[in-house]
Structures are given as C-alpha cells and as structure tokens.
Amino acid sequence: MDREEHLARYVLMDVRMPTKKALNEDIEWTARCFGFLETRDVNRTAARIFSALIYAASEDKGHTSDGLAERVGVTRGAIVHHLNKMMRSGLVIFHGGQYKLREKSLRRTVNEVERDLKRVLEKIEEVASSIDEELSLPHRGT
C-alpha cells in the first residue's frame, strides 16, 4: 500500500466544560477540545492564535502569519506550526493571503468539521462492513 498523505487530521478531546460563561476561557476550552493546547504550549500560543482568528472573523477579516506573530508575540515559525495544525483539522483556511476561520463564524466552522467527520466515518463504516462480510463476522440483524 502506498503511503498516503493525510487529507485531514482530526483530534477531539473530551474536556470538562467550563462551569461559568467567560469568552476567553470558552475559546481556550474549544482550542483544547480540538487538541491545539498541548502541555508543552505553556504560553498558550495555540489558543491565542485561535482567539485572534475568531475575533478577526467577527470583523470578516483574517490575519497574515507575520501579523499573527506580531500580535501574539512569538516567531513566525511558531505561528505557522500552529496554523498548519489548525488547517489540517479543518478549522482554518488560507485564502487571499490570510488565515481565517473556515466559515464566517466559529459555530458554522464547527458544523462543517462535523460534516467532514461524518463523511470520514461513513467511509470507515463502508470498509468495516466489507471486512465483516468477507470474514463472516456477525453484525446486528444476523
């Protein structure tokens, strides 16, 4: 089998929801749920980038990697590292020389990712059914 490049990489973490409604904590929680906040990210760089993109979406704008580096206060290389992860997850796009949320709002972006996940799971289920059938493995209804 040829080594395939990943079309997307989805990471979902089941993290306890914040008990109180607070915008910045909710944005950080969302970033953590999508696997952007790793323990080694002590400065919460990924959450700060994600937050900047969400705020930009509220103004129908995006950011360049240089602009994000200046805004967040880290190197452009660190910014690009995190942006690449966010793009692979389906949340962020690069369009017109700027990084933006995939849709005009976070909720609509999450809905698009949900549709992506459903398509992936449908493909997996189709192959799993074929494997079960070929190996005569039981499944519901038989």
N, C-alpha and C. Protein backbone atom coordinates (compact mmCIF):
# COMPACT_ATOMS: atom_id res chain seq x y z
N MET A 1 0.84 -1.18 0.00
CA MET A 1 0.00 0.00 0.00
C MET A 1 0.89 1.25 0.00
N ASP A 2 0.63 2.14 -0.90
CA ASP A 2 1.39 3.39 -0.97
C ASP A 2 1.10 4.24 0.26
N ARG A 3 2.12 4.96 0.68
CA ARG A 3 1.94 5.86 1.82
C ARG A 3 1.13 7.06 1.35
N GLU A 4 -0.03 7.24 1.96
CA GLU A 4 -0.90 8.35 1.57
C GLU A 4 -0.68 9.53 2.49
N GLU A 5 -0.78 10.70 1.91
CA GLU A 5 -0.74 11.91 2.72
C GLU A 5 -2.11 12.10 3.34
N HIS A 6 -2.12 12.52 4.58
CA HIS A 6 -3.39 12.76 5.25
C HIS A 6 -4.11 13.92 4.59
N LEU A 7 -5.37 13.72 4.27
CA LEU A 7 -6.17 14.82 3.75
C LEU A 7 -6.54 15.77 4.88
N ALA A 8 -6.75 15.20 6.04
CA ALA A 8 -7.08 15.98 7.23
C ALA A 8 -6.70 15.16 8.44
N ARG A 9 -6.56 15.83 9.56
CA ARG A 9 -6.26 15.14 10.80
C ARG A 9 -7.14 15.73 11.88
N TYR A 10 -8.04 14.90 12.39
CA TYR A 10 -9.00 15.36 13.38
C TYR A 10 -8.61 14.83 14.75
N VAL A 11 -8.49 15.72 15.69
CA VAL A 11 -8.25 15.35 17.08
C VAL A 11 -9.35 15.98 17.90
N LEU A 12 -10.06 15.15 18.63
CA LEU A 12 -11.10 15.65 19.52
C LEU A 12 -10.82 15.16 20.93
N MET A 13 -10.81 16.08 21.85
CA MET A 13 -10.58 15.75 23.25
C MET A 13 -11.87 16.04 24.03
N ASP A 14 -12.25 15.10 24.86
CA ASP A 14 -13.43 15.30 25.71
C ASP A 14 -12.96 15.97 26.99
N VAL A 15 -13.10 17.28 27.03
CA VAL A 15 -12.61 18.09 28.13
C VAL A 15 -13.80 18.65 28.90
N ARG A 16 -13.68 18.63 30.21
CA ARG A 16 -14.77 19.15 31.04
C ARG A 16 -15.07 20.60 30.66
N MET A 17 -16.34 20.90 30.42
CA MET A 17 -16.74 22.25 30.03
C MET A 17 -16.52 23.23 31.18
N PRO A 18 -16.19 24.47 30.84
CA PRO A 18 -16.07 25.49 31.90
C PRO A 18 -17.41 25.64 32.63
N THR A 19 -17.35 25.86 33.92
CA THR A 19 -18.58 25.96 34.70
C THR A 19 -19.26 27.32 34.55
N LYS A 20 -18.48 28.34 34.21
CA LYS A 20 -19.03 29.67 34.04
C LYS A 20 -18.78 30.15 32.62
N LYS A 21 -19.71 30.93 32.11
CA LYS A 21 -19.55 31.50 30.78
C LYS A 21 -18.55 32.65 30.84
N ALA A 22 -17.45 32.49 30.12
CA ALA A 22 -16.42 33.52 30.05
C ALA A 22 -15.75 33.37 28.68
N LEU A 23 -15.80 34.40 27.88
CA LEU A 23 -15.39 34.33 26.48
C LEU A 23 -13.99 33.74 26.29
N ASN A 24 -12.99 34.28 26.92
CA ASN A 24 -11.62 33.81 26.70
C ASN A 24 -11.43 32.37 27.16
N GLU A 25 -12.04 32.02 28.29
CA GLU A 25 -11.95 30.64 28.77
C GLU A 25 -12.68 29.68 27.83
N ASP A 26 -13.81 30.14 27.27
CA ASP A 26 -14.55 29.30 26.32
C ASP A 26 -13.75 29.08 25.04
N ILE A 27 -13.07 30.12 24.56
CA ILE A 27 -12.22 29.98 23.37
C ILE A 27 -11.08 29.01 23.66
N GLU A 28 -10.45 29.15 24.82
CA GLU A 28 -9.36 28.25 25.18
C GLU A 28 -9.87 26.81 25.31
N TRP A 29 -11.03 26.63 25.89
CA TRP A 29 -11.62 25.30 26.03
C TRP A 29 -11.86 24.68 24.65
N THR A 30 -12.38 25.48 23.72
CA THR A 30 -12.62 24.99 22.37
C THR A 30 -11.31 24.57 21.72
N ALA A 31 -10.28 25.39 21.87
CA ALA A 31 -8.95 25.05 21.33
C ALA A 31 -8.44 23.75 21.95
N ARG A 32 -8.64 23.59 23.23
CA ARG A 32 -8.21 22.36 23.92
C ARG A 32 -8.98 21.15 23.39
N CYS A 33 -10.28 21.30 23.17
CA CYS A 33 -11.10 20.19 22.65
C CYS A 33 -10.64 19.73 21.28
N PHE A 34 -10.14 20.66 20.46
CA PHE A 34 -9.63 20.31 19.15
C PHE A 34 -8.17 19.88 19.17
N GLY A 35 -7.61 19.74 20.36
CA GLY A 35 -6.26 19.22 20.51
C GLY A 35 -5.16 20.22 20.21
N PHE A 36 -5.48 21.51 20.23
CA PHE A 36 -4.48 22.53 19.93
C PHE A 36 -3.62 22.89 21.13
N LEU A 37 -4.14 22.72 22.32
CA LEU A 37 -3.38 23.09 23.52
C LEU A 37 -2.68 21.87 24.08
N GLU A 38 -1.40 21.80 23.84
CA GLU A 38 -0.60 20.70 24.37
C GLU A 38 0.06 21.16 25.65
N THR A 39 0.45 20.22 26.47
CA THR A 39 1.06 20.58 27.75
C THR A 39 2.33 21.40 27.58
N ARG A 40 3.05 21.16 26.48
CA ARG A 40 4.28 21.93 26.28
C ARG A 40 4.03 23.35 25.79
N ASP A 41 2.79 23.66 25.42
CA ASP A 41 2.42 25.01 24.98
C ASP A 41 2.08 25.86 26.21
N VAL A 42 3.12 26.10 27.02
CA VAL A 42 2.91 26.78 28.31
C VAL A 42 2.43 28.22 28.15
N ASN A 43 2.73 28.84 27.01
CA ASN A 43 2.29 30.22 26.78
C ASN A 43 0.93 30.29 26.10
N ARG A 44 0.32 29.13 25.91
CA ARG A 44 -0.99 29.04 25.29
C ARG A 44 -1.03 29.72 23.91
N THR A 45 0.05 29.54 23.19
CA THR A 45 0.19 30.17 21.87
C THR A 45 -0.94 29.75 20.94
N ALA A 46 -1.25 28.47 20.90
CA ALA A 46 -2.30 27.99 20.00
C ALA A 46 -3.64 28.64 20.33
N ALA A 47 -3.97 28.74 21.60
CA ALA A 47 -5.24 29.37 22.00
C ALA A 47 -5.26 30.84 21.63
N ARG A 48 -4.12 31.50 21.76
CA ARG A 48 -4.05 32.93 21.42
C ARG A 48 -4.21 33.14 19.92
N ILE A 49 -3.62 32.25 19.12
CA ILE A 49 -3.79 32.32 17.67
C ILE A 49 -5.25 32.07 17.31
N PHE A 50 -5.81 31.01 17.87
CA PHE A 50 -7.20 30.64 17.60
C PHE A 50 -8.13 31.80 17.98
N SER A 51 -7.87 32.40 19.11
CA SER A 51 -8.67 33.54 19.58
C SER A 51 -8.57 34.70 18.59
N ALA A 52 -7.36 35.00 18.12
CA ALA A 52 -7.18 36.10 17.16
C ALA A 52 -7.96 35.83 15.88
N LEU A 53 -8.01 34.58 15.44
CA LEU A 53 -8.75 34.24 14.23
C LEU A 53 -10.26 34.37 14.44
N ILE A 54 -10.72 34.01 15.63
CA ILE A 54 -12.15 34.14 15.93
C ILE A 54 -12.54 35.62 15.98
N TYR A 55 -11.74 36.42 16.65
CA TYR A 55 -12.03 37.86 16.71
C TYR A 55 -11.98 38.47 15.30
N ALA A 56 -11.04 38.04 14.47
CA ALA A 56 -10.97 38.54 13.09
C ALA A 56 -12.22 38.17 12.31
N ALA A 57 -12.74 36.96 12.56
CA ALA A 57 -13.97 36.52 11.87
C ALA A 57 -15.13 37.43 12.22
N SER A 58 -15.15 37.95 13.45
CA SER A 58 -16.24 38.84 13.85
C SER A 58 -16.22 40.15 13.06
N GLU A 59 -15.07 40.44 12.44
CA GLU A 59 -14.94 41.64 11.60
C GLU A 59 -14.81 41.26 10.12
N ASP A 60 -15.10 39.99 9.81
CA ASP A 60 -14.99 39.45 8.45
C ASP A 60 -13.60 39.67 7.88
N LYS A 61 -12.59 39.39 8.70
CA LYS A 61 -11.20 39.57 8.30
C LYS A 61 -10.41 38.31 8.61
N GLY A 62 -9.14 38.34 8.27
CA GLY A 62 -8.20 37.28 8.59
C GLY A 62 -6.90 37.90 9.02
N HIS A 63 -5.87 37.07 9.13
CA HIS A 63 -4.54 37.54 9.54
C HIS A 63 -3.48 36.90 8.67
N THR A 64 -2.38 37.61 8.46
CA THR A 64 -1.20 37.01 7.86
C THR A 64 -0.42 36.34 8.99
N SER A 65 0.49 35.45 8.63
CA SER A 65 1.31 34.81 9.66
C SER A 65 2.20 35.85 10.34
N ASP A 66 2.71 36.81 9.58
CA ASP A 66 3.52 37.87 10.18
C ASP A 66 2.70 38.72 11.15
N GLY A 67 1.47 39.05 10.75
CA GLY A 67 0.59 39.83 11.62
C GLY A 67 0.26 39.09 12.90
N LEU A 68 0.02 37.78 12.79
CA LEU A 68 -0.26 36.97 13.98
C LEU A 68 0.97 36.89 14.88
N ALA A 69 2.15 36.76 14.27
CA ALA A 69 3.38 36.68 15.06
C ALA A 69 3.56 37.96 15.87
N GLU A 70 3.29 39.08 15.24
CA GLU A 70 3.41 40.36 15.95
C GLU A 70 2.36 40.49 17.04
N ARG A 71 1.14 40.08 16.72
CA ARG A 71 0.03 40.20 17.68
C ARG A 71 0.22 39.28 18.88
N VAL A 72 0.65 38.04 18.62
CA VAL A 72 0.77 37.04 19.68
C VAL A 72 2.12 37.14 20.39
N GLY A 73 3.12 37.68 19.70
CA GLY A 73 4.42 37.87 20.32
C GLY A 73 5.31 36.64 20.29
N VAL A 74 5.19 35.85 19.22
CA VAL A 74 6.05 34.69 19.05
C VAL A 74 6.60 34.72 17.62
N THR A 75 7.50 33.81 17.31
CA THR A 75 8.10 33.79 15.98
C THR A 75 7.08 33.37 14.93
N ARG A 76 7.36 33.79 13.72
CA ARG A 76 6.50 33.41 12.60
C ARG A 76 6.49 31.88 12.44
N GLY A 77 7.64 31.24 12.69
CA GLY A 77 7.72 29.78 12.60
C GLY A 77 6.76 29.09 13.56
N ALA A 78 6.67 29.61 14.78
CA ALA A 78 5.74 29.04 15.77
C ALA A 78 4.30 29.24 15.30
N ILE A 79 4.03 30.41 14.75
CA ILE A 79 2.68 30.69 14.25
C ILE A 79 2.31 29.72 13.14
N VAL A 80 3.20 29.55 12.18
CA VAL A 80 2.93 28.67 11.04
C VAL A 80 2.73 27.23 11.51
N HIS A 81 3.51 26.79 12.49
CA HIS A 81 3.34 25.44 13.06
C HIS A 81 1.91 25.24 13.55
N HIS A 82 1.43 26.17 14.34
CA HIS A 82 0.07 26.06 14.89
C HIS A 82 -0.99 26.22 13.81
N LEU A 83 -0.78 27.14 12.89
CA LEU A 83 -1.75 27.33 11.80
C LEU A 83 -1.87 26.08 10.94
N ASN A 84 -0.76 25.42 10.68
CA ASN A 84 -0.81 24.18 9.89
C ASN A 84 -1.65 23.13 10.58
N LYS A 85 -1.51 23.00 11.89
CA LYS A 85 -2.35 22.05 12.64
C LYS A 85 -3.82 22.43 12.53
N MET A 86 -4.10 23.71 12.63
CA MET A 86 -5.49 24.18 12.56
C MET A 86 -6.07 23.98 11.17
N MET A 87 -5.25 24.13 10.15
CA MET A 87 -5.73 23.90 8.79
C MET A 87 -5.99 22.41 8.55
N ARG A 88 -5.08 21.55 9.04
CA ARG A 88 -5.30 20.10 8.88
C ARG A 88 -6.56 19.64 9.60
N SER A 89 -6.93 20.34 10.67
CA SER A 89 -8.12 19.96 11.42
C SER A 89 -9.40 20.43 10.75
N GLY A 90 -9.27 21.26 9.72
CA GLY A 90 -10.43 21.75 9.00
C GLY A 90 -11.04 23.02 9.57
N LEU A 91 -10.42 23.59 10.58
CA LEU A 91 -10.99 24.80 11.20
C LEU A 91 -10.53 26.08 10.54
N VAL A 92 -9.34 26.07 9.96
CA VAL A 92 -8.73 27.29 9.43
C VAL A 92 -8.39 27.08 7.96
N ILE A 93 -8.53 28.13 7.18
CA ILE A 93 -8.16 28.11 5.77
C ILE A 93 -7.18 29.24 5.50
N PHE A 94 -6.46 29.12 4.39
CA PHE A 94 -5.60 30.20 3.91
C PHE A 94 -6.21 30.69 2.62
N HIS A 95 -6.68 31.93 2.62
CA HIS A 95 -7.39 32.47 1.46
C HIS A 95 -7.03 33.93 1.30
N GLY A 96 -6.68 34.31 0.08
CA GLY A 96 -6.37 35.71 -0.19
C GLY A 96 -5.18 36.22 0.61
N GLY A 97 -4.21 35.32 0.87
CA GLY A 97 -3.02 35.70 1.61
C GLY A 97 -3.21 35.82 3.10
N GLN A 98 -4.38 35.37 3.59
CA GLN A 98 -4.66 35.47 5.03
C GLN A 98 -5.23 34.16 5.57
N TYR A 99 -4.97 33.95 6.84
CA TYR A 99 -5.53 32.81 7.56
C TYR A 99 -6.84 33.25 8.18
N LYS A 100 -7.85 32.40 8.03
CA LYS A 100 -9.19 32.72 8.52
C LYS A 100 -9.85 31.46 9.04
N LEU A 101 -10.90 31.65 9.84
CA LEU A 101 -11.75 30.52 10.15
C LEU A 101 -12.33 30.01 8.84
N ARG A 102 -12.63 28.75 8.78
CA ARG A 102 -13.15 28.14 7.56
C ARG A 102 -14.48 28.78 7.13
N GLU A 103 -15.29 29.13 8.08
CA GLU A 103 -16.57 29.78 7.81
C GLU A 103 -16.59 31.14 8.50
N LYS A 104 -17.69 31.84 8.37
CA LYS A 104 -17.78 33.21 8.90
C LYS A 104 -18.01 33.26 10.41
N SER A 105 -18.25 32.11 11.02
CA SER A 105 -18.42 32.06 12.47
C SER A 105 -17.83 30.76 13.00
N LEU A 106 -17.54 30.72 14.27
CA LEU A 106 -17.00 29.51 14.88
C LEU A 106 -18.02 28.38 14.82
N ARG A 107 -19.27 28.69 15.11
CA ARG A 107 -20.30 27.65 15.09
C ARG A 107 -20.42 27.02 13.70
N ARG A 108 -20.47 27.84 12.66
CA ARG A 108 -20.57 27.32 11.30
C ARG A 108 -19.32 26.52 10.93
N THR A 109 -18.17 26.95 11.41
CA THR A 109 -16.94 26.21 11.18
C THR A 109 -17.01 24.84 11.84
N VAL A 110 -17.47 24.79 13.09
CA VAL A 110 -17.61 23.52 13.80
C VAL A 110 -18.61 22.62 13.07
N ASN A 111 -19.70 23.20 12.56
CA ASN A 111 -20.68 22.41 11.81
C ASN A 111 -20.06 21.79 10.55
N GLU A 112 -19.19 22.52 9.87
CA GLU A 112 -18.51 21.99 8.70
C GLU A 112 -17.58 20.84 9.08
N VAL A 113 -16.86 20.99 10.18
CA VAL A 113 -15.98 19.92 10.65
C VAL A 113 -16.81 18.69 11.01
N GLU A 114 -17.97 18.91 11.62
CA GLU A 114 -18.85 17.79 11.95
C GLU A 114 -19.26 17.04 10.67
N ARG A 115 -19.59 17.77 9.62
CA ARG A 115 -19.95 17.12 8.36
C ARG A 115 -18.74 16.34 7.79
N ASP A 116 -17.55 16.93 7.91
CA ASP A 116 -16.34 16.23 7.46
C ASP A 116 -16.18 14.91 8.21
N LEU A 117 -16.34 14.96 9.53
CA LEU A 117 -16.18 13.76 10.35
C LEU A 117 -17.21 12.70 9.98
N LYS A 118 -18.43 13.12 9.72
CA LYS A 118 -19.47 12.16 9.32
C LYS A 118 -19.10 11.48 8.01
N ARG A 119 -18.55 12.23 7.06
CA ARG A 119 -18.13 11.64 5.78
C ARG A 119 -17.01 10.62 6.00
N VAL A 120 -16.06 10.96 6.84
CA VAL A 120 -14.95 10.04 7.13
C VAL A 120 -15.49 8.77 7.78
N LEU A 121 -16.37 8.92 8.76
CA LEU A 121 -16.92 7.76 9.46
C LEU A 121 -17.78 6.90 8.54
N GLU A 122 -18.48 7.53 7.59
CA GLU A 122 -19.26 6.75 6.63
C GLU A 122 -18.33 5.87 5.77
N LYS A 123 -17.19 6.42 5.35
CA LYS A 123 -16.23 5.63 4.57
C LYS A 123 -15.67 4.48 5.40
N ILE A 124 -15.35 4.77 6.66
CA ILE A 124 -14.81 3.72 7.54
C ILE A 124 -15.86 2.63 7.74
N GLU A 125 -17.11 3.03 7.94
CA GLU A 125 -18.19 2.04 8.14
C GLU A 125 -18.37 1.18 6.89
N GLU A 126 -18.27 1.79 5.73
CA GLU A 126 -18.41 1.03 4.49
C GLU A 126 -17.33 -0.05 4.37
N VAL A 127 -16.09 0.32 4.66
CA VAL A 127 -15.00 -0.64 4.60
C VAL A 127 -15.14 -1.69 5.71
N ALA A 128 -15.55 -1.25 6.90
CA ALA A 128 -15.74 -2.20 8.01
C ALA A 128 -16.81 -3.23 7.66
N SER A 129 -17.88 -2.80 7.03
CA SER A 129 -18.94 -3.73 6.62
C SER A 129 -18.40 -4.74 5.61
N SER A 130 -17.58 -4.26 4.69
CA SER A 130 -16.98 -5.15 3.70
C SER A 130 -16.08 -6.18 4.37
N ILE A 131 -15.29 -5.75 5.33
CA ILE A 131 -14.40 -6.66 6.07
C ILE A 131 -15.23 -7.69 6.82
N ASP A 132 -16.26 -7.23 7.54
CA ASP A 132 -17.13 -8.14 8.29
C ASP A 132 -17.76 -9.18 7.36
N GLU A 133 -18.24 -8.71 6.22
CA GLU A 133 -18.88 -9.61 5.27
C GLU A 133 -17.89 -10.65 4.75
N GLU A 134 -16.70 -10.20 4.40
CA GLU A 134 -15.69 -11.12 3.85
C GLU A 134 -15.25 -12.15 4.88
N LEU A 135 -15.20 -11.76 6.15
CA LEU A 135 -14.77 -12.67 7.21
C LEU A 135 -15.95 -13.34 7.92
N SER A 136 -17.15 -13.09 7.43
CA SER A 136 -18.39 -13.65 8.02
C SER A 136 -18.51 -13.30 9.50
N LEU A 137 -18.14 -12.08 9.83
CA LEU A 137 -18.29 -11.62 11.21
C LEU A 137 -19.73 -11.18 11.45
N PRO A 138 -20.23 -11.46 12.65
CA PRO A 138 -21.62 -11.11 12.92
C PRO A 138 -21.80 -9.59 13.01
N HIS A 139 -22.94 -9.16 12.61
CA HIS A 139 -23.33 -7.78 12.81
C HIS A 139 -24.81 -7.76 13.12
N ARG A 140 -25.28 -6.68 13.58
CA ARG A 140 -26.66 -6.56 14.02
C ARG A 140 -27.60 -7.01 12.89
N GLY A 141 -28.59 -7.79 13.26
CA GLY A 141 -29.56 -8.25 12.28
C GLY A 141 -29.26 -9.63 11.74
N THR A 142 -28.12 -10.22 12.14
CA THR A 142 -27.82 -11.58 11.65
C THR A 142 -27.60 -12.51 12.82
